[in-house]
């Protein structure tokens, strides 16, 4: 199991940033499914620097269905396959983030 943050950095808010191609490349290269996960509210946990004690807020985690990459037919991972899987991952993650923030705000 390997955990990869496909944006390549921490983010803030409900809109994900453009993804780096590494997660898609690794999935295609290894034939391993990607399990997309969205966390809403995690950026607020330690946001208040006035208090020495962490301020814990509500965090919602939504786990999506695995994204199964195409089976490779050659030793080379084609760039267009990486780009297509990255686009699929982006769309899936944004949908999951929207769902997570909706659940968080409705409770």
Protein backbone atom coordinates (compact mmCIF):
# COMPACT_ATOMS: atom_id res chain seq x y z
CA UNK A 1 0.00 0.00 0.00
CA UNK A 2 1.26 3.46 -0.85
CA UNK A 3 -0.31 6.80 0.04
CA UNK A 4 0.17 9.54 -2.56
CA UNK A 5 -1.12 13.09 -2.44
CA UNK A 6 -1.74 13.69 -6.16
CA UNK A 7 -1.71 17.49 -5.89
CA UNK A 8 1.88 17.37 -4.68
CA UNK A 9 1.18 19.84 -1.87
CA UNK A 10 -1.27 20.70 0.87
CA UNK A 11 -4.42 22.47 -0.19
CA UNK A 12 -6.94 24.75 1.38
CA UNK A 13 -10.67 24.74 0.69
CA UNK A 14 -13.16 22.69 -1.32
CA UNK A 15 -11.59 23.05 -4.79
CA UNK A 16 -8.71 20.76 -5.62
CA UNK A 17 -5.72 22.08 -7.50
CA UNK A 18 -4.29 20.57 -10.71
CA UNK A 19 -2.90 17.10 -10.09
CA UNK A 20 0.63 15.92 -10.67
CA UNK A 21 0.85 12.82 -12.93
CA UNK A 22 2.73 10.65 -10.42
CA UNK A 23 -0.24 8.83 -8.86
CA UNK A 24 -1.64 7.88 -12.28
CA UNK A 25 1.80 6.83 -13.53
CA UNK A 26 2.39 4.59 -10.51
CA UNK A 27 -1.05 3.02 -10.86
CA UNK A 28 -0.57 2.34 -14.56
CA UNK A 29 2.98 1.08 -14.10
CA UNK A 30 2.06 -1.32 -11.28
CA UNK A 31 -1.48 -2.19 -12.36
CA UNK A 32 -2.71 -1.16 -8.92
CA UNK A 33 -6.10 0.51 -8.40
CA UNK A 34 -6.29 4.02 -6.97
CA UNK A 35 -8.60 4.46 -3.98
CA UNK A 36 -9.62 8.15 -3.99
CA UNK A 37 -10.18 9.78 -0.61
CA UNK A 38 -11.44 13.28 0.20
CA UNK A 39 -11.17 14.98 3.60
CA UNK A 40 -13.23 18.09 4.31
CA UNK A 41 -12.22 20.35 7.18
CA UNK A 42 -8.79 18.92 7.93
CA UNK A 43 -7.17 22.27 7.09
CA UNK A 44 -8.95 23.88 10.08
CA UNK A 45 -7.71 21.56 12.81
CA UNK A 46 -4.59 23.46 13.84
CA UNK A 47 -5.46 26.79 12.25
CA UNK A 48 -5.80 28.87 15.44
CA UNK A 49 -2.29 29.80 16.61
CA UNK A 50 -3.55 31.84 19.58
CA UNK A 51 -4.03 28.75 21.71
CA UNK A 52 -1.28 26.28 22.65
CA UNK A 53 -3.84 23.46 22.62
CA UNK A 54 -5.00 22.27 19.17
CA UNK A 55 -8.51 23.30 18.19
CA UNK A 56 -10.21 20.21 16.82
CA UNK A 57 -13.01 20.70 14.33
CA UNK A 58 -15.29 18.44 12.40
CA UNK A 59 -13.56 16.47 9.64
CA UNK A 60 -15.48 14.40 7.11
CA UNK A 61 -13.74 11.68 5.11
CA UNK A 62 -15.32 10.20 1.98
CA UNK A 63 -13.79 7.14 0.32
CA UNK A 64 -14.61 6.57 -3.34
CA UNK A 65 -14.73 3.43 -5.42
CA UNK A 66 -11.34 2.18 -6.65
CA UNK A 67 -10.24 3.45 -10.04
CA UNK A 68 -8.77 0.49 -11.90
CA UNK A 69 -6.12 1.44 -14.47
CA UNK A 70 -5.91 -0.07 -17.93
CA UNK A 71 -3.75 -3.14 -18.31
CA UNK A 72 -0.42 -2.30 -19.94
CA UNK A 73 0.36 -4.10 -23.16
CA UNK A 74 3.98 -2.91 -23.33
CA UNK A 75 6.75 -1.97 -20.95
CA UNK A 76 6.27 1.73 -21.59
CA UNK A 77 3.54 3.75 -19.90
CA UNK A 78 2.13 6.07 -22.57
CA UNK A 79 1.81 9.73 -21.61
CA UNK A 80 -1.75 9.94 -23.00
CA UNK A 81 -2.80 7.08 -20.69
CA UNK A 82 -1.25 8.90 -17.71
CA UNK A 83 -3.03 12.13 -18.67
CA UNK A 84 -6.38 10.35 -19.10
CA UNK A 85 -6.11 8.59 -15.73
CA UNK A 86 -5.03 11.85 -14.06
CA UNK A 87 -8.12 13.58 -15.52
CA UNK A 88 -10.37 10.77 -14.27
CA UNK A 89 -8.78 11.01 -10.83
CA UNK A 90 -9.23 14.80 -10.78
CA UNK A 91 -12.94 14.54 -11.62
CA UNK A 92 -13.47 11.78 -9.05
CA UNK A 93 -11.63 13.65 -6.29
CA UNK A 94 -13.55 16.87 -6.94
CA UNK A 95 -16.85 14.97 -6.75
CA UNK A 96 -15.77 13.36 -3.47
CA UNK A 97 -14.62 16.71 -2.03
CA UNK A 98 -17.98 18.25 -2.96
CA UNK A 99 -19.74 15.38 -1.19
CA UNK A 100 -17.52 15.64 1.89
CA UNK A 101 -18.05 19.40 2.24
CA UNK A 102 -21.79 18.97 1.71
CA UNK A 103 -21.95 16.40 4.52
CA UNK A 104 -19.80 18.59 6.76
CA UNK A 105 -21.92 21.70 6.23
CA UNK A 106 -25.26 19.89 6.63
CA UNK A 107 -24.40 18.50 10.07
